Amino acid sequence: VDYFGSTVNCAARIESLGWGGQCLATSDCYQLCDRRFQMAMNPLGAFPLKGIQVPQRVYEFESMPDREFGPLRSSSSEKPSAVSRGDHYMLCDECAHPVVCKACGHGRPSTSHRDDVSA
């Protein structure tokens, strides 16, 4: 069975903002859960979502207090300029593959990128 529609689209866009194991909700879901179950949730702000005219307020369930997640991923169409996992990484503007950082030498070597990154 395939499901279509604005609710499914919104759910998919909200899901794409989060990290593995992170449980996110819209303000509608937050209000229902807060009234019925008095669940602890943190507001994360309003985010523009592709195909949805009004930015959506996003909340995170506090179901795993011992786990921390990074900032929500942007749903914008802009290419990311860098990735951070404790080391310095750069992404190629043409293909978005990680390349070696000139400043510290970290990253994955590549020979097919422009002169602004070391190969």
Protein backbone atom coordinates (compact mmCIF):
# COMPACT_ATOMS: atom_id res chain seq x y z
CA VAL A 1 0.00 0.00 0.00
CA ASP A 2 1.31 3.44 -0.92
CA TYR A 3 0.30 6.56 0.98
CA PHE A 4 0.20 10.03 -0.55
CA GLY A 5 -0.76 13.52 0.55
CA SER A 6 0.35 16.55 2.50
CA THR A 7 0.49 14.75 5.87
CA VAL A 8 2.79 12.04 4.51
CA ASN A 9 4.92 14.67 2.76
CA CYS A 10 5.27 16.70 5.96
CA ALA A 11 6.16 13.59 8.00
CA ALA A 12 8.84 12.61 5.49
CA ARG A 13 10.33 16.13 5.51
CA ILE A 14 10.37 16.25 9.34
CA GLU A 15 11.99 12.81 9.47
CA SER A 16 14.74 13.94 7.08
CA LEU A 17 15.70 16.76 9.48
CA GLY A 18 16.61 14.37 12.29
CA TRP A 19 19.32 11.88 13.15
CA GLY A 20 19.06 8.11 13.59
CA GLY A 21 17.09 7.34 16.75
CA GLN A 22 15.84 10.90 17.14
CA CYS A 23 12.05 11.23 17.47
CA LEU A 24 10.66 14.51 16.09
CA ALA A 25 7.14 15.90 15.89
CA THR A 26 5.23 18.84 14.42
CA SER A 27 3.40 21.36 16.59
CA ASP A 28 0.08 19.56 15.92
CA CYS A 29 1.53 16.30 17.20
CA TYR A 30 3.14 18.13 20.13
CA GLN A 31 -0.20 19.63 21.19
CA LEU A 32 -1.99 16.26 20.99
CA CYS A 33 0.74 14.45 22.94
CA ASP A 34 1.05 17.20 25.54
CA ARG A 35 -2.69 17.23 26.29
CA ARG A 36 -3.25 13.47 26.24
CA PHE A 37 -0.03 12.01 27.57
CA GLN A 38 1.84 14.97 29.11
CA MET A 39 5.01 13.92 27.29
CA ALA A 40 8.20 15.91 27.72
CA MET A 41 9.24 17.53 24.44
CA ASN A 42 11.80 20.21 23.56
CA PRO A 43 11.02 22.93 20.98
CA LEU A 44 13.70 23.05 18.25
CA GLY A 45 12.36 25.98 16.23
CA ALA A 46 10.54 26.51 12.93
CA PHE A 47 11.97 24.98 9.77
CA PRO A 48 11.10 25.57 6.10
CA LEU A 49 10.21 22.28 4.43
CA LYS A 50 10.20 21.56 0.70
CA GLY A 51 6.67 21.51 -0.69
CA ILE A 52 5.14 23.11 2.42
CA GLN A 53 4.38 26.83 2.33
CA VAL A 54 4.60 27.64 6.05
CA PRO A 55 7.71 26.80 8.12
CA GLN A 56 6.87 24.01 10.57
CA ARG A 57 7.63 24.16 14.29
CA VAL A 58 9.56 21.03 15.24
CA TYR A 59 9.77 19.36 18.66
CA GLU A 60 11.97 16.56 19.97
CA PHE A 61 10.68 13.88 22.35
CA GLU A 62 12.76 13.62 25.54
CA SER A 63 12.48 9.83 25.50
CA MET A 64 16.25 9.27 25.59
CA PRO A 65 17.77 11.86 27.95
CA ASP A 66 21.17 10.14 27.90
CA ARG A 67 21.48 10.60 24.12
CA GLU A 68 22.46 13.83 22.43
CA PHE A 69 21.84 14.69 18.80
CA GLY A 70 23.43 17.29 16.54
CA PRO A 71 21.51 20.26 15.18
CA LEU A 72 18.70 19.42 12.80
CA ARG A 73 19.68 19.14 9.18
CA SER A 74 18.47 21.86 6.87
CA SER A 75 15.92 20.93 4.27
CA SER A 76 17.06 23.74 2.01
CA SER A 77 18.33 22.96 -1.45
CA GLU A 78 21.72 24.57 -0.73
CA LYS A 79 24.71 22.26 -0.85
CA PRO A 80 26.45 21.81 2.48
CA SER A 81 29.80 23.57 2.69
CA ALA A 82 31.40 21.35 5.34
CA VAL A 83 30.92 18.23 7.44
CA SER A 84 32.10 18.05 11.03
CA ARG A 85 32.74 14.88 12.99
CA GLY A 86 35.53 16.12 15.21
CA ASP A 87 37.96 16.55 12.30
CA HIS A 88 38.03 19.18 9.57
CA TYR A 89 36.29 18.11 6.37
CA MET A 90 35.45 19.91 3.19
CA LEU A 91 32.98 18.94 0.50
CA CYS A 92 33.64 19.42 -3.19
CA ASP A 93 31.30 22.10 -4.60
CA GLU A 94 30.82 20.02 -7.74
CA CYS A 95 30.11 16.54 -6.40
CA ALA A 96 29.74 16.94 -2.58
CA HIS A 97 32.34 14.23 -1.91
CA PRO A 98 34.66 14.76 1.07
CA VAL A 99 38.11 16.01 0.13
CA VAL A 100 41.32 16.62 2.07
CA CYS A 101 41.44 19.80 4.15
CA LYS A 102 44.50 21.94 3.29
CA ALA A 103 44.68 23.26 6.86
CA CYS A 104 45.08 19.94 8.65
CA GLY A 105 45.28 17.20 6.01
CA HIS A 106 42.22 15.34 7.28
CA GLY A 107 39.66 13.90 4.89
CA ARG A 108 39.57 11.46 2.02
CA PRO A 109 42.16 11.99 -0.75
CA SER A 110 40.82 12.58 -4.22
CA THR A 111 42.44 13.43 -7.54
CA SER A 112 39.41 14.75 -9.38
CA HIS A 113 38.76 18.05 -7.62
CA ARG A 114 39.62 21.66 -8.32
CA ASP A 115 42.80 23.44 -7.14
CA ASP A 116 41.15 25.00 -4.09
CA VAL A 117 41.50 21.70 -2.22
CA SER A 118 44.54 19.48 -1.99
CA ALA A 119 44.43 16.19 -3.88
